[in-house]
C-alpha atoms as a PDB file:
ATOM      1  CA  MET A   1     -17.095  36.252  -6.949  1.00  0.00           C
ATOM      2  CA  PRO A   2     -13.846  34.672  -5.885  1.00  0.00           C
ATOM      3  CA  LYS A   3     -12.870  31.290  -7.413  1.00  0.00           C
ATOM      4  CA  TYR A   4     -11.270  29.986  -4.228  1.00  0.00           C
ATOM      5  CA  GLY A   5     -13.270  30.414  -1.023  1.00  0.00           C
ATOM      6  CA  ARG A   6     -13.072  34.045  -0.075  1.00  0.00           C
ATOM      7  CA  GLY A   7     -10.232  34.560  -2.534  1.00  0.00           C
ATOM      8  CA  MET A   8      -6.853  32.867  -2.654  1.00  0.00           C
ATOM      9  CA  LYS A   9      -5.010  35.770  -0.983  1.00  0.00           C
ATOM     10  CA  VAL A  10      -7.526  35.918   1.846  1.00  0.00           C
ATOM     11  CA  GLU A  11      -7.582  32.185   2.378  1.00  0.00           C
ATOM     12  CA  ILE A  12      -3.731  31.932   2.494  1.00  0.00           C
ATOM     13  CA  VAL A  13      -3.314  34.849   4.855  1.00  0.00           C
ATOM     14  CA  ASP A  14      -6.150  33.515   7.138  1.00  0.00           C
ATOM     15  CA  ALA A  15      -4.534  30.049   7.131  1.00  0.00           C
ATOM     16  CA  ILE A  16      -1.150  31.476   8.177  1.00  0.00           C
ATOM     17  CA  LYS A  17      -2.781  33.595  10.903  1.00  0.00           C
ATOM     18  CA  LYS A  18      -4.653  30.568  12.204  1.00  0.00           C
ATOM     19  CA  GLY A  19      -1.583  28.296  12.060  1.00  0.00           C
ATOM     20  CA  LYS A  20      -2.998  26.071   9.397  1.00  0.00           C
ATOM     21  CA  LEU A  21       0.068  27.028   7.194  1.00  0.00           C
ATOM     22  CA  LYS A  22       3.439  27.269   8.983  1.00  0.00           C
ATOM     23  CA  GLN A  23       5.840  29.927   7.807  1.00  0.00           C
ATOM     24  CA  PRO A  24       7.925  30.090   5.764  1.00  0.00           C
ATOM     25  CA  ILE A  25       5.741  28.911   3.002  1.00  0.00           C
ATOM     26  CA  ASN A  26       6.484  27.962  -0.584  1.00  0.00           C
ATOM     27  CA  THR A  27       4.493  27.210  -3.725  1.00  0.00           C
ATOM     28  CA  ARG A  28       4.082  23.576  -2.779  1.00  0.00           C
ATOM     29  CA  ASP A  29       2.606  24.482   0.632  1.00  0.00           C
ATOM     30  CA  VAL A  30       0.123  26.811  -1.132  1.00  0.00           C
ATOM     31  CA  GLU A  31      -0.842  24.162  -3.642  1.00  0.00           C
ATOM     32  CA  GLN A  32      -1.317  21.566  -0.858  1.00  0.00           C
ATOM     33  CA  PHE A  33      -3.429  23.840   1.208  1.00  0.00           C
ATOM     34  CA  MET A  34      -5.588  24.815  -1.712  1.00  0.00           C
ATOM     35  CA  ASN A  35      -6.005  21.145  -2.920  1.00  0.00           C
ATOM     36  CA  ASN A  36      -6.897  20.027   0.624  1.00  0.00           C
ATOM     37  CA  ASN A  37      -9.772  22.520   0.554  1.00  0.00           C
ATOM     38  CA  GLY A  38     -11.038  21.392  -2.830  1.00  0.00           C
ATOM     39  CA  TRP A  39      -9.542  24.259  -4.834  1.00  0.00           C
ATOM     40  CA  TYR A  40      -7.381  23.501  -7.784  1.00  0.00           C
ATOM     41  CA  PRO A  41      -5.704  26.649  -9.166  1.00  0.00           C
ATOM     42  CA  ARG A  42      -3.682  26.293 -12.392  1.00  0.00           C
ATOM     43  CA  LYS A  43      -0.009  25.478 -11.849  1.00  0.00           C
ATOM     44  CA  ASN A  44       1.142  28.628 -13.600  1.00  0.00           C
ATOM     45  CA  PHE A  45      -0.952  30.684 -11.268  1.00  0.00           C
ATOM     46  CA  LEU A  46       0.428  28.854  -8.220  1.00  0.00           C
ATOM     47  CA  ASN A  47       3.923  29.331  -9.476  1.00  0.00           C
ATOM     48  CA  VAL A  48       3.772  33.120  -9.508  1.00  0.00           C
ATOM     49  CA  PHE A  49       1.315  33.819  -6.660  1.00  0.00           C
ATOM     50  CA  LEU A  50       3.879  34.280  -3.838  1.00  0.00           C
ATOM     51  CA  ALA A  51       6.375  36.143  -6.035  1.00  0.00           C
ATOM     52  CA  ASN A  52       3.742  38.550  -7.406  1.00  0.00           C
ATOM     53  CA  HIS A  53       2.493  39.306  -3.925  1.00  0.00           C
ATOM     54  CA  SER A  54       6.026  40.019  -2.695  1.00  0.00           C
ATOM     55  CA  ASN A  55       7.492  42.094  -5.535  1.00  0.00           C
ATOM     56  CA  PRO A  56       6.775  45.800  -5.183  1.00  0.00           C
ATOM     57  CA  GLY A  57       7.576  46.350  -8.844  1.00  0.00           C
ATOM     58  CA  HIS A  58       5.251  43.694 -10.154  1.00  0.00           C
ATOM     59  CA  SER A  59       1.920  45.430 -10.446  1.00  0.00           C
ATOM     60  CA  LYS A  60       0.036  48.113  -8.538  1.00  0.00           C
ATOM     61  CA  THR A  61      -2.994  45.797  -8.448  1.00  0.00           C
ATOM     62  CA  TYR A  62      -1.187  43.147  -6.488  1.00  0.00           C
ATOM     63  CA  GLU A  63      -1.160  43.854  -2.778  1.00  0.00           C
ATOM     64  CA  LYS A  64       2.297  43.218  -1.303  1.00  0.00           C
ATOM     65  CA  ILE A  65       1.636  40.797   1.552  1.00  0.00           C
ATOM     66  CA  PHE A  66       4.718  38.484   1.573  1.00  0.00           C
ATOM     67  CA  LYS A  67       8.426  38.950   1.976  1.00  0.00           C
ATOM     68  CA  SER A  68      10.780  36.613   0.109  1.00  0.00           C
ATOM     69  CA  ILE A  69      13.455  35.068   2.405  1.00  0.00           C
ATOM     70  CA  GLY A  70      15.173  33.245  -0.404  1.00  0.00           C
ATOM     71  CA  ASN A  71      15.146  29.756  -1.946  1.00  0.00           C
ATOM     72  CA  GLY A  72      11.441  30.113  -2.910  1.00  0.00           C
ATOM     73  CA  LYS A  73      10.266  30.649   0.641  1.00  0.00           C
ATOM     74  CA  TYR A  74       8.059  33.459   1.888  1.00  0.00           C
ATOM     75  CA  VAL A  75       6.791  34.965   5.165  1.00  0.00           C
ATOM     76  CA  LEU A  76       3.816  37.191   5.776  1.00  0.00           C
ATOM     77  CA  LEU A  77       4.822  40.868   6.103  1.00  0.00           C
ATOM     78  CA  GLU A  78       4.721  42.112   9.734  1.00  0.00           C
ATOM     79  CA  GLU A  79       2.030  44.677   9.013  1.00  0.00           C
ATOM     80  CA  ILE A  80      -0.237  41.946   7.622  1.00  0.00           C
ATOM     81  CA  LYS A  81       0.159  39.635  10.694  1.00  0.00           C
ATOM     82  CA  ASP A  82      -2.061  41.844  12.881  1.00  0.00           C
END
């Protein structure tokens, strides 16, 4: 059972697709969105969430859904937007 709604990844992607989160996003945007929904992930998890989901070398269990555009900002990969 996910800790954060339908799962943090699902909630963030859905928020971007619905325009609740404007791209590019950063860790602060994710934290604010989560907190506004009553979810309070640990800071260290928030700090690596976007990076882990954008780095193809990180882990095979982390789906790559973001692209880093520099300065701690990320956008949803084109193939995920649909």
